[in-house]
Amino acid sequence: MSIYLNKDSKVIVQGITGGEGSKHTARMLAAGTQVVGGVNARKAGTTVTHTAKDGSEVSLPVFGSVAEAMAETGADVSIVFVPPAFAKDAVIEAIDAGIGLLVVITEGIPVQDSAEFWAHAKAKGTTRIIGPNCPGIITPEESLVGITPANITGKGPIGLVSKSGTLTYQMMFELRDLGFSTAIGIGGDPVIGTTHIDALEAFEADPETKAIVMIGEIGGDAEERAADYIKAHVTKPVVGYVAGFTAPEGKTMGHAGAIVSGSSGTAEAKKVALEAAGVKVGKTPSETARLMREVIESL
């Protein structure tokens, strides 16, 4: 009842000894994630101590490389909490090691760096990247790889894919009584790994996901392309929201990718494209949640 991530996923943390890495390792463990170790070349051979979900103390080994961590622990997922200047090297190291899923939380990575590691992942063909500049992925009550609050929702029939981190949290909270199969924050940078279309394809194939919420925002044409994909390939009901209806024209709003050129990339243009594909689009997150309730009730 999930995509990309489940209770059996074994997770390593690149940057486990840093402030953010340490804080969110604790939160991921508390959410039930199977964190099996971390990576910091300068602190290889040491351990870090955290508290597991059941309250027991867990000692996590720190390895010198992703390849070593994978060989020793059987890890198949990594999450990157590495400063922007070093993020590209960390991502490429994980790709070269052959990690299956790589969640890049770091904000402020130069677009050229993101383009390079995205192309590298594409060429290798073994690593799915989520992010960068994203909240990560959560399969409620099973595993969290990211910074999403794990206690705001439970397991259920809705799949969620979102460009926005905070809107991911809001939608999960508003529909907490219905619950989610998996929720993914894909990030709003101009170059990202997993796209709306990738997530839509996976949710369509997942038998336990009955309906999908897709959250977009102004800028680019990702939502329009997703609308074309929904029209051609998605049979499950999709409800959408596009952030930025009141944004002034020609301004970058929030995310680096949220820039509007003429009428292209506006919230209204995206809404029109999605509705033409049969997607019900809310004007606010709360209206979108209400539309999803109606969909679930009608199933």
Protein backbone atom coordinates (compact mmCIF):
# COMPACT_ATOMS: atom_id res chain seq x y z
CA MET A 1 0.00 0.00 0.00
CA SER A 2 2.67 2.43 -1.02
CA ILE A 3 5.02 3.57 -3.76
CA TYR A 4 8.82 3.75 -3.63
CA LEU A 5 9.03 3.30 0.18
CA ASN A 6 7.76 0.79 2.74
CA LYS A 7 8.49 -0.67 6.18
CA ASP A 8 11.23 -2.91 4.75
CA SER A 9 13.22 -0.03 3.23
CA LYS A 10 16.67 0.27 4.81
CA VAL A 11 17.80 3.87 5.07
CA ILE A 12 21.17 5.56 5.45
CA VAL A 13 21.67 9.26 6.18
CA GLN A 14 24.37 11.22 4.34
CA GLY A 15 25.30 13.94 6.81
CA ILE A 16 24.04 12.00 9.85
CA THR A 17 26.42 13.80 12.25
CA GLY A 18 25.38 17.34 11.23
CA GLY A 19 22.70 19.39 12.97
CA GLU A 20 19.90 18.77 10.45
CA GLY A 21 20.93 15.19 9.77
CA SER A 22 20.99 14.36 13.46
CA LYS A 23 17.65 16.03 14.23
CA HIS A 24 15.80 14.37 11.39
CA THR A 25 17.43 10.97 11.92
CA ALA A 26 15.81 11.04 15.37
CA ARG A 27 12.45 11.98 13.87
CA MET A 28 12.66 9.32 11.17
CA LEU A 29 13.46 6.66 13.78
CA ALA A 30 10.53 7.85 15.89
CA ALA A 31 8.31 7.41 12.83
CA GLY A 32 9.38 3.77 12.54
CA THR A 33 11.86 4.18 9.68
CA GLN A 34 14.50 1.46 9.48
CA VAL A 35 17.55 3.76 9.66
CA VAL A 36 20.60 1.49 9.54
CA GLY A 37 23.53 3.93 9.52
CA GLY A 38 25.00 7.10 8.14
CA VAL A 39 27.83 8.52 6.06
CA ASN A 40 30.48 11.08 6.97
CA ALA A 41 33.96 10.39 5.62
CA ARG A 42 35.63 12.38 8.41
CA LYS A 43 33.84 10.45 11.17
CA ALA A 44 33.95 6.97 9.66
CA GLY A 45 34.20 4.24 12.29
CA THR A 46 32.28 6.16 14.94
CA THR A 47 28.67 5.66 16.00
CA VAL A 48 25.75 7.94 16.81
CA THR A 49 23.12 7.08 19.40
CA HIS A 50 19.41 7.72 19.01
CA THR A 51 16.12 6.43 20.38
CA ALA A 52 14.05 3.96 18.34
CA LYS A 53 10.25 4.08 18.02
CA ASP A 54 9.84 1.54 20.83
CA GLY A 55 11.94 3.71 23.17
CA SER A 56 15.04 1.53 23.04
CA GLU A 57 18.47 3.00 22.41
CA VAL A 58 19.89 2.40 18.94
CA SER A 59 23.55 2.81 17.99
CA LEU A 60 24.03 3.69 14.32
CA PRO A 61 27.39 3.15 12.58
CA VAL A 62 28.94 5.99 10.58
CA PHE A 63 30.62 4.87 7.35
CA GLY A 64 33.18 6.54 5.14
CA SER A 65 31.19 6.13 1.92
CA VAL A 66 27.76 5.22 0.60
CA ALA A 67 29.16 2.10 -1.06
CA GLU A 68 30.60 0.90 2.26
CA ALA A 69 27.34 1.67 4.08
CA MET A 70 25.33 -0.28 1.50
CA ALA A 71 27.71 -3.25 1.63
CA GLU A 72 27.60 -3.42 5.43
CA THR A 73 23.91 -2.73 6.04
CA GLY A 74 22.04 -3.70 2.86
CA ALA A 75 20.67 -0.15 2.61
CA ASP A 76 18.54 0.60 -0.44
CA VAL A 77 17.56 4.20 0.38
CA SER A 78 19.68 7.25 1.23
CA ILE A 79 18.73 10.74 2.34
CA VAL A 80 21.05 13.71 1.83
CA PHE A 81 21.45 16.35 4.56
CA VAL A 82 24.56 17.96 3.10
CA PRO A 83 25.21 21.72 2.59
CA PRO A 84 24.58 23.01 -0.97
CA ALA A 85 28.28 23.34 -1.86
CA PHE A 86 28.89 19.63 -1.20
CA ALA A 87 25.53 18.22 -2.22
CA LYS A 88 26.44 17.38 -5.82
CA ASP A 89 29.37 15.23 -4.72
CA ALA A 90 27.19 13.48 -2.13
CA VAL A 91 24.48 12.75 -4.69
CA ILE A 92 26.91 11.49 -7.33
CA GLU A 93 28.59 9.26 -4.73
CA ALA A 94 25.21 7.68 -3.92
CA ILE A 95 24.36 7.23 -7.60
CA ASP A 96 27.74 5.61 -8.29
CA ALA A 97 27.14 3.24 -5.35
CA GLY A 98 23.87 2.17 -6.98
CA ILE A 99 21.41 3.25 -4.28
CA GLY A 100 17.83 2.61 -5.39
CA LEU A 101 16.13 5.66 -3.90
CA LEU A 102 17.86 8.93 -3.05
CA VAL A 103 16.04 11.76 -1.26
CA VAL A 104 17.80 15.13 -1.52
CA ILE A 105 16.49 17.53 1.13
CA THR A 106 19.10 20.28 0.64
CA GLU A 107 17.84 23.69 -0.44
CA GLY A 108 19.90 26.13 -2.50
CA ILE A 109 21.78 23.66 -4.70
CA PRO A 110 22.93 25.48 -7.87
CA VAL A 111 20.75 24.52 -10.84
CA GLN A 112 23.80 23.45 -12.84
CA ASP A 113 24.76 20.99 -10.07
CA SER A 114 21.22 19.57 -10.04
CA ALA A 115 21.26 19.23 -13.83
CA GLU A 116 24.59 17.39 -13.67
CA PHE A 117 23.56 14.87 -11.04
CA TRP A 118 20.14 14.37 -12.64
CA ALA A 119 21.86 13.57 -15.96
CA HIS A 120 24.29 11.25 -14.15
CA ALA A 121 21.41 9.38 -12.50
CA LYS A 122 19.64 9.12 -15.86
CA ALA A 123 22.74 7.69 -17.51
CA LYS A 124 23.30 5.11 -14.75
CA GLY A 125 19.63 4.15 -14.64
CA THR A 126 19.63 2.66 -11.13
CA THR A 127 18.77 5.57 -8.81
CA ARG A 128 15.46 7.37 -8.37
CA ILE A 129 16.04 10.89 -7.02
CA ILE A 130 13.38 12.75 -5.04
CA GLY A 131 14.17 16.46 -4.76
CA PRO A 132 16.28 18.49 -4.29
CA ASN A 133 14.78 21.18 -2.03
CA CYS A 134 11.93 18.96 -0.92
CA PRO A 135 10.37 17.47 2.22
CA GLY A 136 10.92 13.90 1.02
CA ILE A 137 8.57 10.93 1.09
CA ILE A 138 6.40 9.26 3.71
CA THR A 139 4.42 6.05 3.72
CA PRO A 140 2.40 6.67 6.89
CA GLU A 141 2.81 4.20 9.75
CA GLU A 142 5.63 2.46 7.83
CA SER A 143 8.50 4.73 6.89
CA LEU A 144 9.50 8.38 6.62
CA VAL A 145 12.49 9.53 4.59
CA GLY A 146 12.49 13.29 4.88
CA ILE A 147 11.28 16.08 7.12
CA THR A 148 7.50 15.64 6.90
CA PRO A 149 5.83 15.49 10.33
CA ALA A 150 4.95 11.80 10.71
CA ASN A 151 2.14 12.27 13.21
CA ILE A 152 -0.23 14.42 11.13
CA THR A 153 -1.89 11.63 9.17
CA GLY A 154 -2.42 7.90 8.99
CA LYS A 155 -2.57 5.17 6.38
CA GLY A 156 -5.31 5.35 3.77
CA PRO A 157 -6.33 5.30 0.10
CA ILE A 158 -5.04 8.69 -1.11
CA GLY A 159 -1.78 9.23 -2.98
CA LEU A 160 -0.25 12.72 -2.77
CA VAL A 161 2.37 14.37 -4.96
CA SER A 162 3.28 18.00 -4.35
CA LYS A 163 5.77 20.65 -5.41
CA SER A 164 5.30 22.47 -2.11
CA GLY A 165 6.47 21.18 1.27
CA THR A 166 4.11 23.13 3.50
CA LEU A 167 1.12 22.41 1.26
CA THR A 168 2.03 18.72 1.49
CA TYR A 169 1.71 18.96 5.25
CA GLN A 170 -1.53 20.95 5.09
CA MET A 171 -3.19 18.50 2.70
CA MET A 172 -2.10 15.52 4.81
CA PHE A 173 -3.51 17.18 7.92
CA GLU A 174 -6.79 18.22 6.30
CA LEU A 175 -7.40 14.66 5.05
CA ARG A 176 -5.91 12.92 8.09
CA ASP A 177 -9.11 11.00 8.85
CA LEU A 178 -9.01 9.42 5.37
CA GLY A 179 -5.25 8.79 5.28
CA PHE A 180 -2.59 8.30 2.61
CA SER A 181 -0.83 5.44 0.85
CA THR A 182 2.28 7.55 0.19
CA ALA A 183 2.90 11.31 0.15
CA ILE A 184 5.79 12.73 -1.88
CA GLY A 185 7.14 16.27 -1.90
CA ILE A 186 9.00 16.51 -5.20
CA GLY A 187 10.41 20.02 -4.68
CA GLY A 188 9.97 23.21 -6.67
CA ASP A 189 13.42 23.77 -8.18
CA PRO A 190 13.75 24.12 -11.98
CA VAL A 191 15.52 20.72 -12.17
CA ILE A 192 14.17 17.88 -10.03
CA GLY A 193 14.39 14.12 -10.07
CA THR A 194 10.96 12.53 -9.61
CA THR A 195 8.19 14.50 -11.35
CA HIS A 196 4.42 14.72 -11.01
CA ILE A 197 4.18 12.30 -13.95
CA ASP A 198 6.49 9.74 -12.33
CA ALA A 199 4.39 9.78 -9.16
CA LEU A 200 1.10 9.66 -11.08
CA GLU A 201 2.33 6.61 -12.99
CA ALA A 202 3.33 4.86 -9.74
CA PHE A 203 0.05 5.71 -7.97
CA GLU A 204 -1.94 4.52 -10.98
CA ALA A 205 -0.13 1.16 -10.75
CA ASP A 206 -0.55 0.84 -6.96
CA PRO A 207 -3.71 -1.21 -6.24
CA GLU A 208 -4.20 0.32 -2.79
CA THR A 209 -4.16 3.95 -3.97
CA LYS A 210 -7.76 4.80 -4.89
CA ALA A 211 -7.46 8.53 -5.62
CA ILE A 212 -4.67 11.07 -6.11
CA VAL A 213 -4.07 14.64 -4.94
CA MET A 214 -1.65 16.62 -7.10
CA ILE A 215 -0.36 19.97 -5.85
CA GLY A 216 1.43 22.27 -8.26
CA GLU A 217 2.39 25.91 -8.34
CA ILE A 218 3.02 28.70 -10.79
CA GLY A 219 6.01 28.55 -13.11
CA GLY A 220 7.17 26.11 -15.76
CA ASP A 221 4.89 23.65 -17.54
CA ALA A 222 5.12 20.57 -15.29
CA GLU A 223 1.42 20.72 -14.39
CA GLU A 224 0.37 21.09 -18.03
CA ARG A 225 2.47 18.06 -18.96
CA ALA A 226 0.99 16.17 -16.02
CA ALA A 227 -2.49 17.08 -17.29
CA ASP A 228 -1.66 15.55 -20.69
CA TYR A 229 -0.39 12.42 -18.94
CA ILE A 230 -3.52 12.14 -16.77
CA LYS A 231 -5.73 12.43 -19.83
CA ALA A 232 -3.87 9.63 -21.61
CA HIS A 233 -2.92 7.22 -18.81
CA VAL A 234 -4.61 7.79 -15.44
CA THR A 235 -7.92 6.07 -14.71
CA LYS A 236 -8.11 6.95 -11.00
CA PRO A 237 -9.75 10.22 -9.89
CA VAL A 238 -7.29 13.10 -9.50
CA VAL A 239 -7.93 16.26 -7.49
CA GLY A 240 -5.58 19.22 -7.90
CA TYR A 241 -4.48 22.51 -6.43
CA VAL A 242 -2.19 25.12 -8.01
CA ALA A 243 -0.52 27.59 -5.65
CA GLY A 244 -0.12 31.17 -6.84
CA PHE A 245 -3.46 32.45 -8.13
CA THR A 246 -2.72 35.88 -6.66
CA ALA A 247 0.98 36.02 -7.60
CA PRO A 248 2.10 39.11 -9.58
CA GLU A 249 3.18 38.42 -13.15
CA GLY A 250 6.87 38.00 -13.99
CA LYS A 251 8.01 37.43 -10.41
CA THR A 252 9.76 34.42 -8.93
CA MET A 253 7.64 33.41 -5.97
CA GLY A 254 9.17 31.19 -3.28
CA HIS A 255 10.65 28.30 -5.19
CA ALA A 256 13.33 28.94 -7.79
CA GLY A 257 11.17 27.26 -10.42
CA ALA A 258 8.12 29.44 -9.78
CA ILE A 259 8.55 32.05 -12.49
CA VAL A 260 5.82 33.05 -14.92
CA SER A 261 6.43 34.14 -18.53
CA GLY A 262 3.43 35.87 -20.11
CA SER A 263 0.40 33.60 -19.72
CA SER A 264 2.59 30.49 -19.63
CA GLY A 265 2.99 29.05 -16.17
CA THR A 266 0.16 30.98 -14.51
CA ALA A 267 -2.06 29.27 -11.96
CA GLU A 268 -5.10 29.91 -14.17
CA ALA A 269 -3.47 28.30 -17.24
CA LYS A 270 -2.54 25.25 -15.18
CA LYS A 271 -6.05 25.03 -13.71
CA VAL A 272 -7.57 25.12 -17.20
CA ALA A 273 -5.20 22.39 -18.45
CA LEU A 274 -5.92 20.14 -15.47
CA GLU A 275 -9.68 20.61 -15.66
CA ALA A 276 -9.56 19.77 -19.37
CA ALA A 277 -8.02 16.44 -18.33
CA GLY A 278 -10.87 15.76 -15.92
CA VAL A 279 -9.07 16.88 -12.76
CA LYS A 280 -11.16 18.71 -10.16
CA VAL A 281 -9.12 21.76 -9.12
CA GLY A 282 -9.71 23.64 -5.87
CA LYS A 283 -9.13 27.37 -5.51
CA THR A 284 -7.71 26.84 -2.01
CA PRO A 285 -6.08 23.87 -0.25
CA SER A 286 -9.19 23.45 1.94
CA GLU A 287 -11.50 23.41 -1.09
CA THR A 288 -9.20 20.83 -2.69
CA ALA A 289 -9.46 18.67 0.44
CA ARG A 290 -13.25 18.97 0.29
CA LEU A 291 -13.23 17.87 -3.36
CA MET A 292 -11.17 14.83 -2.41
CA ARG A 293 -13.65 13.95 0.36
CA GLU A 294 -16.43 13.99 -2.23
CA VAL A 295 -14.37 11.74 -4.51
CA ILE A 296 -13.66 9.19 -1.77
CA GLU A 297 -17.32 9.16 -0.70
CA SER A 298 -18.37 8.44 -4.27
CA LEU A 299 -16.02 5.45 -4.71
